[in-house]
Amino acid sequence: MRLVIALAAAVLAACGGSSKSSPAAVQVTLEAAGVVPASVNAGSGSQVHFINNDTAAHQIASTSCAELASPSLAGGKDFTATLGTGPKTCTFNDGLNPSSTAFGGTINVAAPNAPGY
């Protein structure tokens, strides 16, 4: 019996002490033609990983969600942002070329503990 309790405690500790999983990460790629995908859904506290696969530099900027503020990203560089609590809609664009609609996008952030997140 003690072995079973000790084993259960070890498994729980290895899993972070909770049966709740962390929010899934989302990936957004900056390509020569623009942002792929331009709209994504994510859970509160999720990470969004931006990867610049373009040869031109880009900078993630947002007036609606401060957590989406990146430095200038040269080709091949990446940036990861951790989303705040939703529900909310985060719009972003290229801070180096704000008039370009191809490099704009939307992240729909779900409320904490929303089903599917």
PDB file of N, CA and C in Angstrom:
ATOM      1  N   MET A   1       0.820  -1.183   0.000  1.00  0.00           N
ATOM      2  CA  MET A   1       0.000   0.000   0.000  1.00  0.00           C
ATOM      3  C   MET A   1       0.868   1.253   0.000  1.00  0.00           C
ATOM      4  N   ARG A   2       1.929   1.270   0.839  1.00  0.00           N
ATOM      5  CA  ARG A   2       2.824   2.426   0.883  1.00  0.00           C
ATOM      6  C   ARG A   2       3.514   2.620  -0.459  1.00  0.00           C
ATOM      7  N   LEU A   3       3.851   1.548  -1.127  1.00  0.00           N
ATOM      8  CA  LEU A   3       4.491   1.629  -2.430  1.00  0.00           C
ATOM      9  C   LEU A   3       3.562   2.277  -3.444  1.00  0.00           C
ATOM     10  N   VAL A   4       2.282   1.921  -3.408  1.00  0.00           N
ATOM     11  CA  VAL A   4       1.306   2.497  -4.331  1.00  0.00           C
ATOM     12  C   VAL A   4       1.158   3.990  -4.081  1.00  0.00           C
ATOM     13  N   ILE A   5       1.081   4.414  -2.833  1.00  0.00           N
ATOM     14  CA  ILE A   5       0.951   5.826  -2.494  1.00  0.00           C
ATOM     15  C   ILE A   5       2.199   6.583  -2.913  1.00  0.00           C
ATOM     16  N   ALA A   6       3.367   6.018  -2.645  1.00  0.00           N
ATOM     17  CA  ALA A   6       4.622   6.661  -3.033  1.00  0.00           C
ATOM     18  C   ALA A   6       4.722   6.782  -4.547  1.00  0.00           C
ATOM     19  N   LEU A   7       4.317   5.751  -5.269  1.00  0.00           N
ATOM     20  CA  LEU A   7       4.354   5.772  -6.733  1.00  0.00           C
ATOM     21  C   LEU A   7       3.383   6.821  -7.276  1.00  0.00           C
ATOM     22  N   ALA A   8       2.190   6.903  -6.715  1.00  0.00           N
ATOM     23  CA  ALA A   8       1.214   7.898  -7.153  1.00  0.00           C
ATOM     24  C   ALA A   8       1.726   9.313  -6.903  1.00  0.00           C
ATOM     25  N   ALA A   9       2.366   9.535  -5.772  1.00  0.00           N
ATOM     26  CA  ALA A   9       2.921  10.852  -5.457  1.00  0.00           C
ATOM     27  C   ALA A   9       4.045  11.208  -6.429  1.00  0.00           C
ATOM     28  N   ALA A  10       4.870  10.245  -6.785  1.00  0.00           N
ATOM     29  CA  ALA A  10       5.967  10.485  -7.725  1.00  0.00           C
ATOM     30  C   ALA A  10       5.431  10.830  -9.110  1.00  0.00           C
ATOM     31  N   VAL A  11       4.399  10.129  -9.546  1.00  0.00           N
ATOM     32  CA  VAL A  11       3.807  10.404 -10.857  1.00  0.00           C
ATOM     33  C   VAL A  11       3.195  11.796 -10.862  1.00  0.00           C
ATOM     34  N   LEU A  12       2.479  12.168  -9.813  1.00  0.00           N
ATOM     35  CA  LEU A  12       1.865  13.480  -9.721  1.00  0.00           C
ATOM     36  C   LEU A  12       2.927  14.573  -9.717  1.00  0.00           C
ATOM     37  N   ALA A  13       4.001  14.379  -8.999  1.00  0.00           N
ATOM     38  CA  ALA A  13       5.081  15.362  -8.955  1.00  0.00           C
ATOM     39  C   ALA A  13       5.742  15.498 -10.314  1.00  0.00           C
ATOM     40  N   ALA A  14       5.925  14.415 -11.031  1.00  0.00           N
ATOM     41  CA  ALA A  14       6.540  14.450 -12.359  1.00  0.00           C
ATOM     42  C   ALA A  14       5.663  15.173 -13.359  1.00  0.00           C
ATOM     43  N   CYS A  15       4.384  15.180 -13.133  1.00  0.00           N
ATOM     44  CA  CYS A  15       3.445  15.847 -14.035  1.00  0.00           C
ATOM     45  C   CYS A  15       3.204  17.290 -13.631  1.00  0.00           C
ATOM     46  N   GLY A  16       3.947  17.817 -12.713  1.00  0.00           N
ATOM     47  CA  GLY A  16       3.778  19.194 -12.296  1.00  0.00           C
ATOM     48  C   GLY A  16       2.829  19.359 -11.133  1.00  0.00           C
ATOM     49  N   GLY A  17       2.372  18.280 -10.546  1.00  0.00           N
ATOM     50  CA  GLY A  17       1.532  18.374  -9.368  1.00  0.00           C
ATOM     51  C   GLY A  17       0.082  18.686  -9.659  1.00  0.00           C
ATOM     52  N   SER A  18      -0.309  18.646 -10.901  1.00  0.00           N
ATOM     53  CA  SER A  18      -1.681  18.991 -11.240  1.00  0.00           C
ATOM     54  C   SER A  18      -2.118  18.180 -12.442  1.00  0.00           C
ATOM     55  N   SER A  19      -3.409  17.908 -12.515  1.00  0.00           N
ATOM     56  CA  SER A  19      -3.921  17.184 -13.675  1.00  0.00           C
ATOM     57  C   SER A  19      -4.280  18.137 -14.802  1.00  0.00           C
ATOM     58  N   LYS A  20      -4.212  19.456 -14.565  1.00  0.00           N
ATOM     59  CA  LYS A  20      -4.532  20.450 -15.576  1.00  0.00           C
ATOM     60  C   LYS A  20      -3.336  20.639 -16.504  1.00  0.00           C
ATOM     61  N   SER A  21      -3.569  20.611 -17.813  1.00  0.00           N
ATOM     62  CA  SER A  21      -2.478  20.786 -18.759  1.00  0.00           C
ATOM     63  C   SER A  21      -2.265  22.268 -19.047  1.00  0.00           C
ATOM     64  N   SER A  22      -1.066  22.605 -19.506  1.00  0.00           N
ATOM     65  CA  SER A  22      -0.781  23.986 -19.842  1.00  0.00           C
ATOM     66  C   SER A  22      -1.365  24.310 -21.217  1.00  0.00           C
ATOM     67  N   PRO A  23      -1.638  25.602 -21.474  1.00  0.00           N
ATOM     68  CA  PRO A  23      -2.218  25.977 -22.761  1.00  0.00           C
ATOM     69  C   PRO A  23      -1.292  25.605 -23.917  1.00  0.00           C
ATOM     70  N   ALA A  24      -1.890  25.238 -25.028  1.00  0.00           N
ATOM     71  CA  ALA A  24      -1.120  24.842 -26.201  1.00  0.00           C
ATOM     72  C   ALA A  24      -0.456  26.055 -26.846  1.00  0.00           C
ATOM     73  N   ALA A  25       0.720  25.848 -27.401  1.00  0.00           N
ATOM     74  CA  ALA A  25       1.430  26.910 -28.109  1.00  0.00           C
ATOM     75  C   ALA A  25       0.864  27.060 -29.520  1.00  0.00           C
ATOM     76  N   VAL A  26       0.962  28.267 -30.045  1.00  0.00           N
ATOM     77  CA  VAL A  26       0.484  28.593 -31.382  1.00  0.00           C
ATOM     78  C   VAL A  26       1.675  29.112 -32.177  1.00  0.00           C
ATOM     79  N   GLN A  27       1.769  28.757 -33.461  1.00  0.00           N
ATOM     80  CA  GLN A  27       2.860  29.232 -34.295  1.00  0.00           C
ATOM     81  C   GLN A  27       2.332  30.098 -35.425  1.00  0.00           C
ATOM     82  N   VAL A  28       2.977  31.237 -35.632  1.00  0.00           N
ATOM     83  CA  VAL A  28       2.661  32.150 -36.724  1.00  0.00           C
ATOM     84  C   VAL A  28       3.955  32.383 -37.490  1.00  0.00           C
ATOM     85  N   THR A  29       3.896  32.234 -38.806  1.00  0.00           N
ATOM     86  CA  THR A  29       5.078  32.375 -39.639  1.00  0.00           C
ATOM     87  C   THR A  29       4.973  33.634 -40.488  1.00  0.00           C
ATOM     88  N   LEU A  30       6.074  34.351 -40.585  1.00  0.00           N
ATOM     89  CA  LEU A  30       6.154  35.525 -41.451  1.00  0.00           C
ATOM     90  C   LEU A  30       6.844  35.083 -42.735  1.00  0.00           C
ATOM     91  N   GLU A  31       6.098  35.033 -43.815  1.00  0.00           N
ATOM     92  CA  GLU A  31       6.601  34.607 -45.123  1.00  0.00           C
ATOM     93  C   GLU A  31       6.735  35.834 -46.022  1.00  0.00           C
ATOM     94  N   ALA A  32       7.359  35.704 -47.172  1.00  0.00           N
ATOM     95  CA  ALA A  32       7.500  36.827 -48.101  1.00  0.00           C
ATOM     96  C   ALA A  32       6.141  37.409 -48.491  1.00  0.00           C
ATOM     97  N   ALA A  33       5.118  36.562 -48.586  1.00  0.00           N
ATOM     98  CA  ALA A  33       3.787  37.010 -48.995  1.00  0.00           C
ATOM     99  C   ALA A  33       2.938  37.519 -47.831  1.00  0.00           C
ATOM    100  N   GLY A  34       3.380  37.307 -46.592  1.00  0.00           N
ATOM    101  CA  GLY A  34       2.609  37.775 -45.444  1.00  0.00           C
ATOM    102  C   GLY A  34       2.596  36.790 -44.296  1.00  0.00           C
ATOM    103  N   VAL A  35       1.629  36.974 -43.397  1.00  0.00           N
ATOM    104  CA  VAL A  35       1.502  36.184 -42.176  1.00  0.00           C
ATOM    105  C   VAL A  35       0.709  34.906 -42.446  1.00  0.00           C
ATOM    106  N   VAL A  36       1.204  33.771 -41.930  1.00  0.00           N
ATOM    107  CA  VAL A  36       0.527  32.480 -42.089  1.00  0.00           C
ATOM    108  C   VAL A  36       0.459  31.784 -40.738  1.00  0.00           C
ATOM    109  N   PRO A  37      -0.710  31.494 -40.191  1.00  0.00           N
ATOM    110  CA  PRO A  37      -2.032  31.954 -40.592  1.00  0.00           C
ATOM    111  C   PRO A  37      -2.252  33.380 -40.096  1.00  0.00           C
ATOM    112  N   ALA A  38      -3.147  34.096 -40.750  1.00  0.00           N
ATOM    113  CA  ALA A  38      -3.420  35.487 -40.394  1.00  0.00           C
ATOM    114  C   ALA A  38      -4.346  35.590 -39.188  1.00  0.00           C
ATOM    115  N   SER A  39      -5.054  34.516 -38.870  1.00  0.00           N
ATOM    116  CA  SER A  39      -5.952  34.515 -37.720  1.00  0.00           C
ATOM    117  C   SER A  39      -5.821  33.182 -36.996  1.00  0.00           C
ATOM    118  N   VAL A  40      -5.625  33.251 -35.680  1.00  0.00           N
ATOM    119  CA  VAL A  40      -5.515  32.032 -34.877  1.00  0.00           C
ATOM    120  C   VAL A  40      -6.315  32.179 -33.593  1.00  0.00           C
ATOM    121  N   ASN A  41      -6.669  31.056 -33.017  1.00  0.00           N
ATOM    122  CA  ASN A  41      -7.331  30.993 -31.717  1.00  0.00           C
ATOM    123  C   ASN A  41      -6.359  30.406 -30.709  1.00  0.00           C
ATOM    124  N   ALA A  42      -6.343  30.964 -29.514  1.00  0.00           N
ATOM    125  CA  ALA A  42      -5.421  30.492 -28.479  1.00  0.00           C
ATOM    126  C   ALA A  42      -6.068  30.652 -27.113  1.00  0.00           C
ATOM    127  N   GLY A  43      -5.572  29.899 -26.149  1.00  0.00           N
ATOM    128  CA  GLY A  43      -6.069  29.991 -24.785  1.00  0.00           C
ATOM    129  C   GLY A  43      -5.336  31.053 -23.985  1.00  0.00           C
ATOM    130  N   SER A  44      -5.948  31.505 -22.915  1.00  0.00           N
ATOM    131  CA  SER A  44      -5.294  32.444 -21.999  1.00  0.00           C
ATOM    132  C   SER A  44      -3.986  31.830 -21.515  1.00  0.00           C
ATOM    133  N   GLY A  45      -2.932  32.623 -21.513  1.00  0.00           N
ATOM    134  CA  GLY A  45      -1.636  32.141 -21.057  1.00  0.00           C
ATOM    135  C   GLY A  45      -0.861  31.336 -22.081  1.00  0.00           C
ATOM    136  N   SER A  46      -1.414  31.144 -23.273  1.00  0.00           N
ATOM    137  CA  SER A  46      -0.709  30.407 -24.325  1.00  0.00           C
ATOM    138  C   SER A  46       0.481  31.200 -24.829  1.00  0.00           C
ATOM    139  N   GLN A  47       1.415  30.488 -25.413  1.00  0.00           N
ATOM    140  CA  GLN A  47       2.541  31.147 -26.061  1.00  0.00           C
ATOM    141  C   GLN A  47       2.286  31.192 -27.553  1.00  0.00           C
ATOM    142  N   VAL A  48       2.648  32.324 -28.154  1.00  0.00           N
ATOM    143  CA  VAL A  48       2.580  32.477 -29.602  1.00  0.00           C
ATOM    144  C   VAL A  48       4.009  32.628 -30.087  1.00  0.00           C
ATOM    145  N   HIS A  49       4.396  31.726 -30.977  1.00  0.00           N
ATOM    146  CA  HIS A  49       5.761  31.700 -31.496  1.00  0.00           C
ATOM    147  C   HIS A  49       5.741  32.263 -32.913  1.00  0.00           C
ATOM    148  N   PHE A  50       6.345  33.428 -33.102  1.00  0.00           N
ATOM    149  CA  PHE A  50       6.449  34.068 -34.413  1.00  0.00           C
ATOM    150  C   PHE A  50       7.807  33.707 -35.015  1.00  0.00           C
ATOM    151  N   ILE A  51       7.810  33.214 -36.244  1.00  0.00           N
ATOM    152  CA  ILE A  51       9.049  32.845 -36.929  1.00  0.00           C
ATOM    153  C   ILE A  51       9.142  33.640 -38.226  1.00  0.00           C
ATOM    154  N   ASN A  52      10.228  34.360 -38.411  1.00  0.00           N
ATOM    155  CA  ASN A  52      10.418  35.136 -39.633  1.00  0.00           C
ATOM    156  C   ASN A  52      11.142  34.289 -40.677  1.00  0.00           C
ATOM    157  N   ASN A  53      10.375  33.758 -41.629  1.00  0.00           N
ATOM    158  CA  ASN A  53      10.947  32.990 -42.736  1.00  0.00           C
ATOM    159  C   ASN A  53      11.164  33.850 -43.970  1.00  0.00           C
ATOM    160  N   ASP A  54      10.965  35.160 -43.842  1.00  0.00           N
ATOM    161  CA  ASP A  54      11.171  36.104 -44.929  1.00  0.00           C
ATOM    162  C   ASP A  54      12.635  36.563 -44.895  1.00  0.00           C
ATOM    163  N   THR A  55      13.107  37.131 -45.990  1.00  0.00           N
ATOM    164  CA  THR A  55      14.466  37.684 -46.003  1.00  0.00           C
ATOM    165  C   THR A  55      14.477  39.104 -45.436  1.00  0.00           C
ATOM    166  N   ALA A  56      13.313  39.766 -45.438  1.00  0.00           N
ATOM    167  CA  ALA A  56      13.197  41.116 -44.888  1.00  0.00           C
ATOM    168  C   ALA A  56      12.943  41.051 -43.388  1.00  0.00           C
ATOM    169  N   ALA A  57      13.377  42.077 -42.689  1.00  0.00           N
ATOM    170  CA  ALA A  57      13.125  42.170 -41.248  1.00  0.00           C
ATOM    171  C   ALA A  57      11.671  42.575 -41.003  1.00  0.00           C
ATOM    172  N   HIS A  58      11.117  42.081 -39.893  1.00  0.00           N
ATOM    173  CA  HIS A  58       9.763  42.429 -39.477  1.00  0.00           C
ATOM    174  C   HIS A  58       9.765  42.641 -37.965  1.00  0.00           C
ATOM    175  N   GLN A  59       8.751  43.360 -37.481  1.00  0.00           N
ATOM    176  CA  GLN A  59       8.617  43.604 -36.051  1.00  0.00           C
ATOM    177  C   GLN A  59       7.145  43.465 -35.684  1.00  0.00           C
ATOM    178  N   ILE A  60       6.854  42.584 -34.740  1.00  0.00           N
ATOM    179  CA  ILE A  60       5.476  42.392 -34.291  1.00  0.00           C
ATOM    180  C   ILE A  60       5.111  43.571 -33.394  1.00  0.00           C
ATOM    181  N   ALA A  61       3.986  44.228 -33.723  1.00  0.00           N
ATOM    182  CA  ALA A  61       3.513  45.364 -32.942  1.00  0.00           C
ATOM    183  C   ALA A  61       2.004  45.243 -32.772  1.00  0.00           C
ATOM    184  N   SER A  62       1.498  45.692 -31.626  1.00  0.00           N
ATOM    185  CA  SER A  62       0.064  45.620 -31.356  1.00  0.00           C
ATOM    186  C   SER A  62      -0.347  46.773 -30.459  1.00  0.00           C
ATOM    187  N   THR A  63      -1.440  47.434 -30.832  1.00  0.00           N
ATOM    188  CA  THR A  63      -1.983  48.478 -29.960  1.00  0.00           C
ATOM    189  C   THR A  63      -3.017  47.892 -29.003  1.00  0.00           C
ATOM    190  N   SER A  64      -3.427  46.645 -29.237  1.00  0.00           N
ATOM    191  CA  SER A  64      -4.456  46.027 -28.392  1.00  0.00           C
ATOM    192  C   SER A  64      -3.885  45.063 -27.349  1.00  0.00           C
ATOM    193  N   CYS A  65      -2.691  44.554 -27.555  1.00  0.00           N
ATOM    194  CA  CYS A  65      -2.085  43.586 -26.626  1.00  0.00           C
ATOM    195  C   CYS A  65      -0.584  43.842 -26.524  1.00  0.00           C
ATOM    196  N   ALA A  66      -0.170  44.473 -25.442  1.00  0.00           N
ATOM    197  CA  ALA A  66       1.230  44.863 -25.258  1.00  0.00           C
ATOM    198  C   ALA A  66       2.195  43.677 -25.292  1.00  0.00           C
ATOM    199  N   GLU A  67       1.702  42.474 -24.941  1.00  0.00           N
ATOM    200  CA  GLU A  67       2.586  41.305 -24.927  1.00  0.00           C
ATOM    201  C   GLU A  67       3.086  40.913 -26.324  1.00  0.00           C
ATOM    202  N   LEU A  68       2.479  41.474 -27.358  1.00  0.00           N
ATOM    203  CA  LEU A  68       2.890  41.171 -28.731  1.00  0.00           C
ATOM    204  C   LEU A  68       3.872  42.198 -29.274  1.00  0.00           C
ATOM    205  N   ALA A  69       4.758  42.698 -28.463  1.00  0.00           N
ATOM    206  CA  ALA A  69       5.753  43.681 -28.886  1.00  0.00           C
ATOM    207  C   ALA A  69       7.110  42.999 -29.008  1.00  0.00           C
ATOM    208  N   SER A  70       7.576  42.853 -30.242  1.00  0.00           N
ATOM    209  CA  SER A  70       8.860  42.177 -30.468  1.00  0.00           C
ATOM    210  C   SER A  70       9.929  43.182 -30.862  1.00  0.00           C
ATOM    211  N   PRO A  71      11.183  42.777 -30.726  1.00  0.00           N
ATOM    212  CA  PRO A  71      12.245  43.570 -31.343  1.00  0.00           C
ATOM    213  C   PRO A  71      12.198  43.337 -32.853  1.00  0.00           C
ATOM    214  N   SER A  72      13.014  44.040 -33.600  1.00  0.00           N
ATOM    215  CA  SER A  72      13.117  43.797 -35.033  1.00  0.00           C
ATOM    216  C   SER A  72      13.647  42.378 -35.245  1.00  0.00           C
ATOM    217  N   LEU A  73      12.963  41.616 -36.110  1.00  0.00           N
ATOM    218  CA  LEU A  73      13.336  40.222 -36.360  1.00  0.00           C
ATOM    219  C   LEU A  73      13.911  40.092 -37.763  1.00  0.00           C
ATOM    220  N   ALA A  74      15.205  39.889 -37.855  1.00  0.00           N
ATOM    221  CA  ALA A  74      15.828  39.647 -39.151  1.00  0.00           C
ATOM    222  C   ALA A  74      15.353  38.298 -39.683  1.00  0.00           C
ATOM    223  N   GLY A  75      15.561  38.061 -40.957  1.00  0.00           N
ATOM    224  CA  GLY A  75      15.199  36.770 -41.539  1.00  0.00           C
ATOM    225  C   GLY A  75      15.818  35.631 -40.746  1.00  0.00           C
ATOM    226  N   GLY A  76      15.015  34.600 -40.448  1.00  0.00           N
ATOM    227  CA  GLY A  76      15.485  33.451 -39.693  1.00  0.00           C
ATOM    228  C   GLY A  76      15.359  33.594 -38.184  1.00  0.00           C
ATOM    229  N   LYS A  77      15.014  34.769 -37.692  1.00  0.00           N
ATOM    230  CA  LYS A  77      14.880  34.988 -36.250  1.00  0.00           C
ATOM    231  C   LYS A  77      13.446  34.721 -35.805  1.00  0.00           C
ATOM    232  N   ASP A  78      13.263  34.544 -34.497  1.00  0.00           N
ATOM    233  CA  ASP A  78      11.927  34.266 -33.967  1.00  0.00           C
ATOM    234  C   ASP A  78      11.695  35.039 -32.674  1.00  0.00           C
ATOM    235  N   PHE A  79      10.440  35.031 -32.256  1.00  0.00           N
ATOM    236  CA  PHE A  79      10.008  35.741 -31.057  1.00  0.00           C
ATOM    237  C   PHE A  79       8.840  34.979 -30.454  1.00  0.00           C
ATOM    238  N   THR A  80       8.846  34.806 -29.146  1.00  0.00           N
ATOM    239  CA  THR A  80       7.748  34.127 -28.468  1.00  0.00           C
ATOM    240  C   THR A  80       7.113  35.076 -27.463  1.00  0.00           C
ATOM    241  N   ALA A  81       5.780  35.193 -27.549  1.00  0.00           N
ATOM    242  CA  ALA A  81       5.014  36.029 -26.630  1.00  0.00           C
ATOM    243  C   ALA A  81       4.090  35.133 -25.813  1.00  0.00           C
ATOM    244  N   THR A  82       3.894  35.466 -24.552  1.00  0.00           N
ATOM    245  CA  THR A  82       2.931  34.771 -23.708  1.00  0.00           C
ATOM    246  C   THR A  82       1.691  35.648 -23.593  1.00  0.00           C
ATOM    247  N   LEU A  83       0.573  35.104 -24.025  1.00  0.00           N
ATOM    248  CA  LEU A  83      -0.676  35.863 -24.037  1.00  0.00           C
ATOM    249  C   LEU A  83      -1.208  36.084 -22.633  1.00  0.00           C
ATOM    250  N   GLY A  84      -1.839  37.200 -22.438  1.00  0.00           N
ATOM    251  CA  GLY A  84      -2.498  37.494 -21.169  1.00  0.00           C
ATOM    252  C   GLY A  84      -3.845  36.785 -21.097  1.00  0.00           C
ATOM    253  N   THR A  85      -4.624  37.168 -20.124  1.00  0.00           N
ATOM    254  CA  THR A  85      -5.919  36.548 -19.881  1.00  0.00           C
ATOM    255  C   THR A  85      -6.971  37.067 -20.856  1.00  0.00           C
ATOM    256  N   GLY A  86      -7.755  36.150 -21.419  1.00  0.00           N
ATOM    257  CA  GLY A  86      -8.866  36.498 -22.302  1.00  0.00           C
ATOM    258  C   GLY A  86     -10.163  36.423 -21.544  1.00  0.00           C
ATOM    259  N   PRO A  87     -11.273  36.584 -22.173  1.00  0.00           N
ATOM    260  CA  PRO A  87     -11.365  36.669 -23.630  1.00  0.00           C
ATOM    261  C   PRO A  87     -10.984  38.063 -24.119  1.00  0.00           C
ATOM    262  N   LYS A  88     -10.276  38.068 -25.235  1.00  0.00           N
ATOM    263  CA  LYS A  88      -9.890  39.313 -25.889  1.00  0.00           C
ATOM    264  C   LYS A  88      -9.426  39.006 -27.295  1.00  0.00           C
ATOM    265  N   THR A  89      -9.356  40.034 -28.099  1.00  0.00           N
ATOM    266  CA  THR A  89      -8.857  39.914 -29.460  1.00  0.00           C
ATOM    267  C   THR A  89      -7.602  40.762 -29.573  1.00  0.00           C
ATOM    268  N   CYS A  90      -6.506  40.135 -29.965  1.00  0.00           N
ATOM    269  CA  CYS A  90      -5.236  40.834 -30.150  1.00  0.00           C
ATOM    270  C   CYS A  90      -4.990  40.983 -31.650  1.00  0.00           C
ATOM    271  N   THR A  91      -4.920  42.212 -32.105  1.00  0.00           N
ATOM    272  CA  THR A  91      -4.546  42.444 -33.497  1.00  0.00           C
ATOM    273  C   THR A  91      -3.080  42.847 -33.512  1.00  0.00           C
ATOM    274  N   PHE A  92      -2.396  42.492 -34.580  1.00  0.00           N
ATOM    275  CA  PHE A  92      -0.988  42.857 -34.699  1.00  0.00           C
ATOM    276  C   PHE A  92      -0.668  43.218 -36.144  1.00  0.00           C
ATOM    277  N   ASN A  93       0.458  43.921 -36.305  1.00  0.00           N
ATOM    278  CA  ASN A  93       0.952  44.251 -37.634  1.00  0.00           C
ATOM    279  C   ASN A  93       2.469  44.298 -37.593  1.00  0.00           C
ATOM    280  N   ASP A  94       3.055  44.661 -38.733  1.00  0.00           N
ATOM    281  CA  ASP A  94       4.501  44.799 -38.822  1.00  0.00           C
ATOM    282  C   ASP A  94       4.852  46.231 -38.442  1.00  0.00           C
ATOM    283  N   GLY A  95       5.490  46.402 -37.304  1.00  0.00           N
ATOM    284  CA  GLY A  95       5.856  47.727 -36.829  1.00  0.00           C
ATOM    285  C   GLY A  95       6.842  48.435 -37.736  1.00  0.00           C
ATOM    286  N   LEU A  96       7.582  47.688 -38.570  1.00  0.00           N
ATOM    287  CA  LEU A  96       8.521  48.302 -39.507  1.00  0.00           C
ATOM    288  C   LEU A  96       7.826  48.750 -40.789  1.00  0.00           C
ATOM    289  N   ASN A  97       6.630  48.221 -41.040  1.00  0.00           N
ATOM    290  CA  ASN A  97       5.848  48.575 -42.225  1.00  0.00           C
ATOM    291  C   ASN A  97       4.363  48.504 -41.855  1.00  0.00           C
ATOM    292  N   PRO A  98       3.892  49.414 -40.996  1.00  0.00           N
ATOM    293  CA  PRO A  98       2.530  49.319 -40.460  1.00  0.00           C
ATOM    294  C   PRO A  98       1.413  49.417 -41.495  1.00  0.00           C
ATOM    295  N   SER A  99       1.685  49.961 -42.668  1.00  0.00           N
ATOM    296  CA  SER A  99       0.629  50.075 -43.679  1.00  0.00           C
ATOM    297  C   SER A  99       0.419  48.786 -44.466  1.00  0.00           C
ATOM    298  N   SER A 100       1.296  47.806 -44.303  1.00  0.00           N
ATOM    299  CA  SER A 100       1.169  46.537 -45.027  1.00  0.00           C
ATOM    300  C   SER A 100       0.108  45.651 -44.379  1.00  0.00           C
ATOM    301  N   THR A 101      -0.982  45.420 -45.091  1.00  0.00           N
ATOM    302  CA  THR A 101      -2.037  44.553 -44.564  1.00  0.00           C
ATOM    303  C   THR A 101      -1.642  43.082 -44.607  1.00  0.00           C
ATOM    304  N   ALA A 102      -0.697  42.724 -45.458  1.00  0.00           N
ATOM    305  CA  ALA A 102      -0.263  41.321 -45.567  1.00  0.00           C
ATOM    306  C   ALA A 102       0.415  40.842 -44.290  1.00  0.00           C
ATOM    307  N   PHE A 103       0.997  41.761 -43.532  1.00  0.00           N
ATOM    308  CA  PHE A 103       1.702  41.374 -42.310  1.00  0.00           C
ATOM    309  C   PHE A 103       0.917  41.725 -41.052  1.00  0.00           C
ATOM    310  N   GLY A 104      -0.403  41.800 -41.188  1.00  0.00           N
ATOM    311  CA  GLY A 104      -1.279  42.003 -40.052  1.00  0.00           C
ATOM    312  C   GLY A 104      -2.007  40.717 -39.729  1.00  0.00           C
ATOM    313  N   GLY A 105      -2.444  40.578 -38.496  1.00  0.00           N
ATOM    314  CA  GLY A 105      -3.159  39.371 -38.112  1.00  0.00           C
ATOM    315  C   GLY A 105      -3.959  39.563 -36.840  1.00  0.00           C
ATOM    316  N   THR A 106      -4.653  38.497 -36.459  1.00  0.00           N
ATOM    317  CA  THR A 106      -5.522  38.513 -35.287  1.00  0.00           C
ATOM    318  C   THR A 106      -5.319  37.245 -34.469  1.00  0.00           C
ATOM    319  N   ILE A 107      -5.242  37.413 -33.165  1.00  0.00           N
ATOM    320  CA  ILE A 107      -5.199  36.281 -32.245  1.00  0.00           C
ATOM    321  C   ILE A 107      -6.407  36.405 -31.329  1.00  0.00           C
ATOM    322  N   ASN A 108      -7.304  35.447 -31.407  1.00  0.00           N
ATOM    323  CA  ASN A 108      -8.485  35.413 -30.546  1.00  0.00           C
ATOM    324  C   ASN A 108      -8.132  34.615 -29.301  1.00  0.00           C
ATOM    325  N   VAL A 109      -8.096  35.287 -28.156  1.00  0.00           N
ATOM    326  CA  VAL A 109      -7.686  34.661 -26.899  1.00  0.00           C
ATOM    327  C   VAL A 109      -8.938  34.257 -26.112  1.00  0.00           C
ATOM    328  N   ALA A 110      -9.042  32.973 -25.816  1.00  0.00           N
ATOM    329  CA  ALA A 110     -10.188  32.443 -25.077  1.00  0.00           C
ATOM    330  C   ALA A 110     -10.074  32.764 -23.587  1.00  0.00           C
ATOM    331  N   ALA A 111     -11.200  32.711 -22.918  1.00  0.00           N
ATOM    332  CA  ALA A 111     -11.234  32.895 -21.467  1.00  0.00           C
ATOM    333  C   ALA A 111     -10.485  31.765 -20.774  1.00  0.00           C
ATOM    334  N   PRO A 112      -9.986  32.000 -19.563  1.00  0.00           N
ATOM    335  CA  PRO A 112      -9.331  30.923 -18.821  1.00  0.00           C
ATOM    336  C   PRO A 112     -10.260  29.723 -18.677  1.00  0.00           C
ATOM    337  N   ASN A 113      -9.703  28.554 -18.819  1.00  0.00           N
ATOM    338  CA  ASN A 113     -10.424  27.286 -18.680  1.00  0.00           C
ATOM    339  C   ASN A 113     -11.546  27.099 -19.701  1.00  0.00           C
ATOM    340  N   ALA A 114     -11.493  27.817 -20.810  1.00  0.00           N
ATOM    341  CA  ALA A 114     -12.491  27.631 -21.866  1.00  0.00           C
ATOM    342  C   ALA A 114     -12.342  26.230 -22.437  1.00  0.00           C
ATOM    343  N   PRO A 115     -13.430  25.568 -22.776  1.00  0.00           N
ATOM    344  CA  PRO A 115     -13.352  24.225 -23.354  1.00  0.00           C
ATOM    345  C   PRO A 115     -12.479  24.225 -24.611  1.00  0.00           C
ATOM    346  N   GLY A 116     -11.574  23.276 -24.697  1.00  0.00           N
ATOM    347  CA  GLY A 116     -10.694  23.162 -25.846  1.00  0.00           C
ATOM    348  C   GLY A 116      -9.391  23.925 -25.719  1.00  0.00           C
ATOM    349  N   TYR A 117      -9.218  24.649 -24.598  1.00  0.00           N
ATOM    350  CA  TYR A 117      -7.975  25.418 -24.424  1.00  0.00           C
ATOM    351  C   TYR A 117      -7.340  25.069 -23.136  1.00  0.00           C
TER     352      TYR A 117
END
